[in-house]
Amino acid sequence: MKRKRKVPIIIKLSLLVFIITFFIIFCGYIFSNSIGDISFIDKIFTNFKNTSAEAVKDILEAKRILDSNIFIDEDISALPRDFEALVHYVYDGDTIRVVIDNKEYDVRYIGINTPEIDHSPDSPSEYYGYEAKEYNKQLVDKKYVYLAKDVSETDKYGRLLRYVWTDTYNMINAVLVRDGYANVMTIPPDVKYSDRFLEALAIYKVDKQVQILILIFIAINLL
C-alpha cells in the first residue's frame, strides 16, 4: 500500500504566513477605506486569538443582521401605481429604459456608479462594466419595478433620477453596491438613502472578510 506523502512543514508554514500577511494587508485596506459603520465587527479583529471558525461565525451573523435590515422600505407600499414601470432595456449597470403609460424614459439610478461600457467607439469599456450590466439585467430586465425620486427630477442628460425597487422590495441601487457591482456616489441634494448605500457597502466588505477568514481557517486545518 502506497504511503501518503506528507506536506513538508516549511511549505505549510509558508502558506500560512502568506495567507495571514494577505489577510492583514486586506483588512488594512478595508478599514482605511471604510465609510460605512462596521464597528460591530471590531471585536473579531481585536480578539483574533479566537479560532478562525468562531471569527467566521461572528462575521456571518453581523452580515445577516445588516442584510435583513437595509433593503425593505416601509414607504414603498405607499407609492402610487403611477410609479410602476416596465423595464424595456438595460443600458449598463446603473441606467435603464422603462415604459410608463406607453411612453419610454431613460432612468439613472441615484446614489451609485458602475463602470462604463463602450456605448461608442470613442468610449472604451471600463473593467467590470459588462459584468455590472449583466447583473443589472438579471435583476430588472423585462420586469416591473417601482420608481421614486429624491429632489432632482432629471440629470444633465435628461434621464430621470430615481431609486428603483423590485416587487420583492429590494432596492436595486443598494443591491448593486452590496454585491460588488457599483460604487457609492452620493451627489447632493439627492441624499435620502445615502446611509443605506453605506450599509450596503459595509455588507460587501464583510463578505470579503469572510472569504479571507475562510482561507485562513482552511490553511490552519491543513497544518
C-alpha atoms as a PDB file:
ATOM      1  CA  MET A   1       0.000   0.000   0.000  1.00  0.00           C
ATOM      2  CA  LYS A   2       1.320   3.380  -1.023  1.00  0.00           C
ATOM      3  CA  ARG A   3       2.155   5.698   1.831  1.00  0.00           C
ATOM      4  CA  LYS A   4       0.628   9.133   1.622  1.00  0.00           C
ATOM      5  CA  ARG A   5       3.328  11.749   1.268  1.00  0.00           C
ATOM      6  CA  LYS A   6       3.271  14.377   3.964  1.00  0.00           C
ATOM      7  CA  VAL A   7       3.441  18.011   3.005  1.00  0.00           C
ATOM      8  CA  PRO A   8       6.720  19.426   4.345  1.00  0.00           C
ATOM      9  CA  ILE A   9       6.218  21.648   7.385  1.00  0.00           C
ATOM     10  CA  ILE A  10       8.101  24.513   5.723  1.00  0.00           C
ATOM     11  CA  ILE A  11       5.536  24.577   2.905  1.00  0.00           C
ATOM     12  CA  LYS A  12       2.676  24.567   5.407  1.00  0.00           C
ATOM     13  CA  LEU A  13       4.229  27.404   7.382  1.00  0.00           C
ATOM     14  CA  SER A  14       4.963  29.405   4.237  1.00  0.00           C
ATOM     15  CA  LEU A  15       1.354  29.014   3.116  1.00  0.00           C
ATOM     16  CA  LEU A  16       0.052  30.110   6.500  1.00  0.00           C
ATOM     17  CA  VAL A  17       2.373  33.136   6.632  1.00  0.00           C
ATOM     18  CA  PHE A  18       1.320  34.155   3.117  1.00  0.00           C
ATOM     19  CA  ILE A  19      -2.403  33.915   3.896  1.00  0.00           C
ATOM     20  CA  ILE A  20      -2.095  35.765   7.209  1.00  0.00           C
ATOM     21  CA  THR A  21       0.005  38.508   5.585  1.00  0.00           C
ATOM     22  CA  PHE A  22      -2.521  38.881   2.792  1.00  0.00           C
ATOM     23  CA  PHE A  23      -5.318  38.990   5.353  1.00  0.00           C
ATOM     24  CA  ILE A  24      -3.605  41.749   7.356  1.00  0.00           C
ATOM     25  CA  ILE A  25      -2.985  43.843   4.231  1.00  0.00           C
ATOM     26  CA  PHE A  26      -6.548  43.276   3.053  1.00  0.00           C
ATOM     27  CA  CYS A  27      -8.055  44.258   6.402  1.00  0.00           C
ATOM     28  CA  GLY A  28      -5.870  47.366   6.476  1.00  0.00           C
ATOM     29  CA  TYR A  29      -7.264  48.350   3.088  1.00  0.00           C
ATOM     30  CA  ILE A  30     -10.822  47.599   4.164  1.00  0.00           C
ATOM     31  CA  PHE A  31     -10.663  49.662   7.338  1.00  0.00           C
ATOM     32  CA  SER A  32      -8.631  52.541   5.914  1.00  0.00           C
ATOM     33  CA  ASN A  33     -11.193  52.912   3.131  1.00  0.00           C
ATOM     34  CA  SER A  34     -14.282  52.141   5.165  1.00  0.00           C
ATOM     35  CA  ILE A  35     -17.043  54.703   5.022  1.00  0.00           C
ATOM     36  CA  GLY A  36     -19.777  52.541   6.488  1.00  0.00           C
ATOM     37  CA  ASP A  37     -20.319  51.854  10.161  1.00  0.00           C
ATOM     38  CA  ILE A  38     -18.963  48.349  10.723  1.00  0.00           C
ATOM     39  CA  SER A  39     -17.892  48.810  14.341  1.00  0.00           C
ATOM     40  CA  PHE A  40     -19.915  45.726  15.268  1.00  0.00           C
ATOM     41  CA  ILE A  41     -17.070  43.505  13.958  1.00  0.00           C
ATOM     42  CA  ASP A  42     -14.254  45.318  15.793  1.00  0.00           C
ATOM     43  CA  LYS A  43     -14.135  42.588  18.430  1.00  0.00           C
ATOM     44  CA  ILE A  44     -13.364  39.978  15.805  1.00  0.00           C
ATOM     45  CA  PHE A  45     -10.090  41.610  14.861  1.00  0.00           C
ATOM     46  CA  THR A  46      -9.053  42.843  18.308  1.00  0.00           C
ATOM     47  CA  ASN A  47      -9.520  39.335  19.673  1.00  0.00           C
ATOM     48  CA  PHE A  48      -8.142  37.301  16.820  1.00  0.00           C
ATOM     49  CA  LYS A  49      -6.869  34.738  19.317  1.00  0.00           C
ATOM     50  CA  ASN A  50     -10.298  33.140  18.798  1.00  0.00           C
ATOM     51  CA  THR A  51     -10.317  30.374  16.231  1.00  0.00           C
ATOM     52  CA  SER A  52     -10.955  31.296  12.609  1.00  0.00           C
ATOM     53  CA  ALA A  53     -14.174  29.293  12.736  1.00  0.00           C
ATOM     54  CA  GLU A  54     -15.507  31.492  15.557  1.00  0.00           C
ATOM     55  CA  ALA A  55     -14.491  34.652  13.690  1.00  0.00           C
ATOM     56  CA  VAL A  56     -16.272  33.482  10.541  1.00  0.00           C
ATOM     57  CA  LYS A  57     -19.372  32.708  12.591  1.00  0.00           C
ATOM     58  CA  ASP A  58     -19.366  36.197  14.163  1.00  0.00           C
ATOM     59  CA  ILE A  59     -18.928  37.942  10.816  1.00  0.00           C
ATOM     60  CA  LEU A  60     -21.671  35.902   9.175  1.00  0.00           C
ATOM     61  CA  GLU A  61     -24.022  36.872  11.997  1.00  0.00           C
ATOM     62  CA  ALA A  62     -23.121  40.545  11.519  1.00  0.00           C
ATOM     63  CA  LYS A  63     -23.809  40.191   7.796  1.00  0.00           C
ATOM     64  CA  ARG A  64     -27.167  38.524   8.486  1.00  0.00           C
ATOM     65  CA  ILE A  65     -28.232  41.418  10.728  1.00  0.00           C
ATOM     66  CA  LEU A  66     -27.261  44.028   8.148  1.00  0.00           C
ATOM     67  CA  ASP A  67     -28.709  42.088   5.235  1.00  0.00           C
ATOM     68  CA  SER A  68     -32.092  41.759   6.911  1.00  0.00           C
ATOM     69  CA  ASN A  69     -32.453  45.458   7.684  1.00  0.00           C
ATOM     70  CA  ILE A  70     -31.396  47.648   4.793  1.00  0.00           C
ATOM     71  CA  PHE A  71     -33.456  46.659   1.786  1.00  0.00           C
ATOM     72  CA  ILE A  72     -37.085  46.551   2.904  1.00  0.00           C
ATOM     73  CA  ASP A  73     -38.500  50.048   2.891  1.00  0.00           C
ATOM     74  CA  GLU A  74     -41.783  50.801   4.621  1.00  0.00           C
ATOM     75  CA  ASP A  75     -42.594  53.661   2.237  1.00  0.00           C
ATOM     76  CA  ILE A  76     -42.755  51.506  -0.889  1.00  0.00           C
ATOM     77  CA  SER A  77     -46.265  50.305  -0.100  1.00  0.00           C
ATOM     78  CA  ALA A  78     -47.443  53.915  -0.204  1.00  0.00           C
ATOM     79  CA  LEU A  79     -46.088  54.616  -3.690  1.00  0.00           C
ATOM     80  CA  PRO A  80     -48.882  55.338  -6.194  1.00  0.00           C
ATOM     81  CA  ARG A  81     -49.259  52.945  -9.120  1.00  0.00           C
ATOM     82  CA  ASP A  82     -48.036  55.729 -11.429  1.00  0.00           C
ATOM     83  CA  PHE A  83     -44.589  54.936 -10.106  1.00  0.00           C
ATOM     84  CA  GLU A  84     -44.695  51.419 -11.525  1.00  0.00           C
ATOM     85  CA  ALA A  85     -42.714  50.915 -14.727  1.00  0.00           C
ATOM     86  CA  LEU A  86     -41.736  48.091 -17.068  1.00  0.00           C
ATOM     87  CA  VAL A  87     -38.024  47.814 -17.784  1.00  0.00           C
ATOM     88  CA  HIS A  88     -37.683  47.772 -21.566  1.00  0.00           C
ATOM     89  CA  TYR A  89     -33.882  47.863 -21.918  1.00  0.00           C
ATOM     90  CA  VAL A  90     -30.763  47.832 -19.732  1.00  0.00           C
ATOM     91  CA  TYR A  91     -28.027  50.176 -20.949  1.00  0.00           C
ATOM     92  CA  ASP A  92     -25.430  49.330 -18.303  1.00  0.00           C
ATOM     93  CA  GLY A  93     -25.083  48.769 -14.577  1.00  0.00           C
ATOM     94  CA  ASP A  94     -26.808  51.976 -13.490  1.00  0.00           C
ATOM     95  CA  THR A  95     -29.024  53.091 -16.398  1.00  0.00           C
ATOM     96  CA  ILE A  96     -32.200  51.544 -17.808  1.00  0.00           C
ATOM     97  CA  ARG A  97     -35.032  52.418 -20.184  1.00  0.00           C
ATOM     98  CA  VAL A  98     -38.549  51.995 -18.841  1.00  0.00           C
ATOM     99  CA  VAL A  99     -42.078  52.246 -20.163  1.00  0.00           C
ATOM    100  CA  ILE A 100     -44.630  54.275 -18.195  1.00  0.00           C
ATOM    101  CA  ASP A 101     -48.115  54.779 -19.678  1.00  0.00           C
ATOM    102  CA  ASN A 102     -46.849  53.731 -23.121  1.00  0.00           C
ATOM    103  CA  LYS A 103     -44.031  56.299 -23.025  1.00  0.00           C
ATOM    104  CA  GLU A 104     -40.349  55.442 -22.785  1.00  0.00           C
ATOM    105  CA  TYR A 105     -37.955  57.109 -20.344  1.00  0.00           C
ATOM    106  CA  ASP A 106     -34.282  56.654 -19.542  1.00  0.00           C
ATOM    107  CA  VAL A 107     -33.667  56.205 -15.818  1.00  0.00           C
ATOM    108  CA  ARG A 108     -30.367  56.729 -13.983  1.00  0.00           C
ATOM    109  CA  TYR A 109     -30.048  55.064 -10.567  1.00  0.00           C
ATOM    110  CA  ILE A 110     -29.480  57.592  -7.770  1.00  0.00           C
ATOM    111  CA  GLY A 111     -26.548  57.312  -5.367  1.00  0.00           C
ATOM    112  CA  ILE A 112     -24.372  54.794  -7.155  1.00  0.00           C
ATOM    113  CA  ASN A 113     -21.996  54.485 -10.096  1.00  0.00           C
ATOM    114  CA  THR A 114     -20.979  51.430 -12.108  1.00  0.00           C
ATOM    115  CA  PRO A 115     -18.101  51.038 -14.593  1.00  0.00           C
ATOM    116  CA  GLU A 116     -18.784  52.421 -18.063  1.00  0.00           C
ATOM    117  CA  ILE A 117     -19.164  50.225 -21.134  1.00  0.00           C
ATOM    118  CA  ASP A 118     -18.341  51.084 -24.734  1.00  0.00           C
ATOM    119  CA  HIS A 119     -21.546  52.706 -25.930  1.00  0.00           C
ATOM    120  CA  SER A 120     -19.473  54.223 -28.757  1.00  0.00           C
ATOM    121  CA  PRO A 121     -16.002  53.679 -30.316  1.00  0.00           C
ATOM    122  CA  ASP A 122     -14.742  56.785 -28.500  1.00  0.00           C
ATOM    123  CA  SER A 123     -15.615  55.448 -25.037  1.00  0.00           C
ATOM    124  CA  PRO A 124     -13.828  52.170 -24.248  1.00  0.00           C
ATOM    125  CA  SER A 125     -15.268  49.878 -21.607  1.00  0.00           C
ATOM    126  CA  GLU A 126     -14.060  50.067 -18.034  1.00  0.00           C
ATOM    127  CA  TYR A 127     -13.119  46.991 -16.045  1.00  0.00           C
ATOM    128  CA  TYR A 128     -16.161  45.039 -14.838  1.00  0.00           C
ATOM    129  CA  GLY A 129     -18.541  47.203 -16.882  1.00  0.00           C
ATOM    130  CA  TYR A 130     -20.183  44.352 -18.770  1.00  0.00           C
ATOM    131  CA  GLU A 131     -20.424  42.232 -15.626  1.00  0.00           C
ATOM    132  CA  ALA A 132     -22.310  45.081 -13.922  1.00  0.00           C
ATOM    133  CA  LYS A 133     -24.632  45.405 -16.916  1.00  0.00           C
ATOM    134  CA  GLU A 134     -25.377  41.672 -16.987  1.00  0.00           C
ATOM    135  CA  TYR A 135     -26.107  41.610 -13.267  1.00  0.00           C
ATOM    136  CA  ASN A 136     -28.417  44.604 -13.620  1.00  0.00           C
ATOM    137  CA  LYS A 137     -30.226  42.737 -16.417  1.00  0.00           C
ATOM    138  CA  GLN A 138     -30.714  39.735 -14.156  1.00  0.00           C
ATOM    139  CA  LEU A 139     -32.278  41.988 -11.535  1.00  0.00           C
ATOM    140  CA  VAL A 140     -34.649  44.125 -13.617  1.00  0.00           C
ATOM    141  CA  ASP A 141     -34.762  43.369 -17.362  1.00  0.00           C
ATOM    142  CA  LYS A 142     -38.333  42.896 -18.684  1.00  0.00           C
ATOM    143  CA  LYS A 143     -39.665  43.177 -15.140  1.00  0.00           C
ATOM    144  CA  TYR A 144     -41.946  45.655 -13.413  1.00  0.00           C
ATOM    145  CA  VAL A 145     -40.179  47.962 -10.979  1.00  0.00           C
ATOM    146  CA  TYR A 146     -41.163  50.824  -8.700  1.00  0.00           C
ATOM    147  CA  LEU A 147     -39.545  54.223  -9.144  1.00  0.00           C
ATOM    148  CA  ALA A 148     -39.180  57.027  -6.599  1.00  0.00           C
ATOM    149  CA  LYS A 149     -37.470  60.385  -6.952  1.00  0.00           C
ATOM    150  CA  ASP A 150     -35.490  62.286  -4.359  1.00  0.00           C
ATOM    151  CA  VAL A 151     -35.119  66.020  -5.008  1.00  0.00           C
ATOM    152  CA  SER A 152     -33.869  66.224  -8.594  1.00  0.00           C
ATOM    153  CA  GLU A 153     -36.151  65.215 -11.460  1.00  0.00           C
ATOM    154  CA  THR A 154     -33.515  64.610 -14.130  1.00  0.00           C
ATOM    155  CA  ASP A 155     -29.750  64.764 -14.678  1.00  0.00           C
ATOM    156  CA  LYS A 156     -27.961  66.906 -17.281  1.00  0.00           C
ATOM    157  CA  TYR A 157     -28.610  64.249 -19.924  1.00  0.00           C
ATOM    158  CA  GLY A 158     -32.361  64.354 -19.383  1.00  0.00           C
ATOM    159  CA  ARG A 159     -32.525  60.961 -17.653  1.00  0.00           C
ATOM    160  CA  LEU A 160     -34.940  60.508 -14.763  1.00  0.00           C
ATOM    161  CA  LEU A 161     -33.062  60.228 -11.458  1.00  0.00           C
ATOM    162  CA  ARG A 162     -34.718  57.502  -9.423  1.00  0.00           C
ATOM    163  CA  TYR A 163     -34.472  54.925  -6.675  1.00  0.00           C
ATOM    164  CA  VAL A 164     -35.635  51.593  -8.089  1.00  0.00           C
ATOM    165  CA  TRP A 165     -37.336  48.745  -6.240  1.00  0.00           C
ATOM    166  CA  THR A 166     -38.397  45.320  -7.431  1.00  0.00           C
ATOM    167  CA  ASP A 167     -41.617  43.640  -6.370  1.00  0.00           C
ATOM    168  CA  THR A 168     -39.563  41.780  -3.754  1.00  0.00           C
ATOM    169  CA  TYR A 169     -38.903  45.130  -2.053  1.00  0.00           C
ATOM    170  CA  ASN A 170     -35.207  45.078  -2.854  1.00  0.00           C
ATOM    171  CA  MET A 171     -33.763  48.473  -3.684  1.00  0.00           C
ATOM    172  CA  ILE A 172     -31.745  47.769  -6.829  1.00  0.00           C
ATOM    173  CA  ASN A 173     -29.430  50.739  -6.213  1.00  0.00           C
ATOM    174  CA  ALA A 174     -28.331  49.211  -2.895  1.00  0.00           C
ATOM    175  CA  VAL A 175     -28.247  45.621  -4.154  1.00  0.00           C
ATOM    176  CA  LEU A 176     -25.691  46.561  -6.828  1.00  0.00           C
ATOM    177  CA  VAL A 177     -23.428  48.068  -4.137  1.00  0.00           C
ATOM    178  CA  ARG A 178     -23.931  45.170  -1.751  1.00  0.00           C
ATOM    179  CA  ASP A 179     -22.979  42.621  -4.390  1.00  0.00           C
ATOM    180  CA  GLY A 180     -19.869  44.470  -5.553  1.00  0.00           C
ATOM    181  CA  TYR A 181     -21.019  45.813  -8.921  1.00  0.00           C
ATOM    182  CA  ALA A 182     -21.334  49.501  -8.016  1.00  0.00           C
ATOM    183  CA  ASN A 183     -19.586  52.193  -6.004  1.00  0.00           C
ATOM    184  CA  VAL A 184     -21.361  54.652  -3.750  1.00  0.00           C
ATOM    185  CA  MET A 185     -21.670  58.047  -5.434  1.00  0.00           C
ATOM    186  CA  THR A 186     -23.883  60.379  -3.443  1.00  0.00           C
ATOM    187  CA  ILE A 187     -24.478  63.754  -5.078  1.00  0.00           C
ATOM    188  CA  PRO A 188     -26.480  66.401  -3.157  1.00  0.00           C
ATOM    189  CA  PRO A 189     -29.304  67.197  -2.992  1.00  0.00           C
ATOM    190  CA  ASP A 190     -30.300  63.564  -3.680  1.00  0.00           C
ATOM    191  CA  VAL A 191     -29.142  62.041  -0.395  1.00  0.00           C
ATOM    192  CA  LYS A 192     -32.269  60.452   1.125  1.00  0.00           C
ATOM    193  CA  TYR A 193     -30.843  56.925   1.140  1.00  0.00           C
ATOM    194  CA  SER A 194     -27.123  57.664   1.407  1.00  0.00           C
ATOM    195  CA  ASP A 195     -26.913  55.769   4.720  1.00  0.00           C
ATOM    196  CA  ARG A 196     -28.480  52.733   3.092  1.00  0.00           C
ATOM    197  CA  PHE A 197     -25.801  52.705   0.413  1.00  0.00           C
ATOM    198  CA  LEU A 198     -23.062  52.922   3.042  1.00  0.00           C
ATOM    199  CA  GLU A 199     -24.623  49.972   4.850  1.00  0.00           C
ATOM    200  CA  ALA A 200     -24.698  48.033   1.581  1.00  0.00           C
ATOM    201  CA  LEU A 201     -21.009  48.823   1.117  1.00  0.00           C
ATOM    202  CA  ALA A 202     -20.322  47.563   4.636  1.00  0.00           C
ATOM    203  CA  ILE A 203     -22.012  44.263   3.769  1.00  0.00           C
ATOM    204  CA  TYR A 204     -19.837  43.897   0.678  1.00  0.00           C
ATOM    205  CA  LYS A 205     -16.720  44.434   2.786  1.00  0.00           C
ATOM    206  CA  VAL A 206     -17.907  41.947   5.387  1.00  0.00           C
ATOM    207  CA  ASP A 207     -18.358  39.371   2.608  1.00  0.00           C
ATOM    208  CA  LYS A 208     -14.745  39.868   1.546  1.00  0.00           C
ATOM    209  CA  GLN A 209     -13.539  39.481   5.123  1.00  0.00           C
ATOM    210  CA  VAL A 210     -15.476  36.220   5.411  1.00  0.00           C
ATOM    211  CA  GLN A 211     -13.769  34.889   2.287  1.00  0.00           C
ATOM    212  CA  ILE A 212     -10.317  35.707   3.672  1.00  0.00           C
ATOM    213  CA  LEU A 213     -11.091  34.193   7.069  1.00  0.00           C
ATOM    214  CA  ILE A 214     -12.323  31.014   5.421  1.00  0.00           C
ATOM    215  CA  LEU A 215      -8.990  30.755   3.578  1.00  0.00           C
ATOM    216  CA  ILE A 216      -7.150  31.143   6.891  1.00  0.00           C
ATOM    217  CA  PHE A 217      -9.404  28.557   8.508  1.00  0.00           C
ATOM    218  CA  ILE A 218      -8.646  26.075   5.698  1.00  0.00           C
ATOM    219  CA  ALA A 219      -4.890  26.751   5.942  1.00  0.00           C
ATOM    220  CA  ILE A 220      -4.835  26.283   9.716  1.00  0.00           C
ATOM    221  CA  ASN A 221      -6.679  22.987   9.419  1.00  0.00           C
ATOM    222  CA  LEU A 222      -4.169  21.772   6.826  1.00  0.00           C
ATOM    223  CA  LEU A 223      -1.339  22.133   9.349  1.00  0.00           C
END
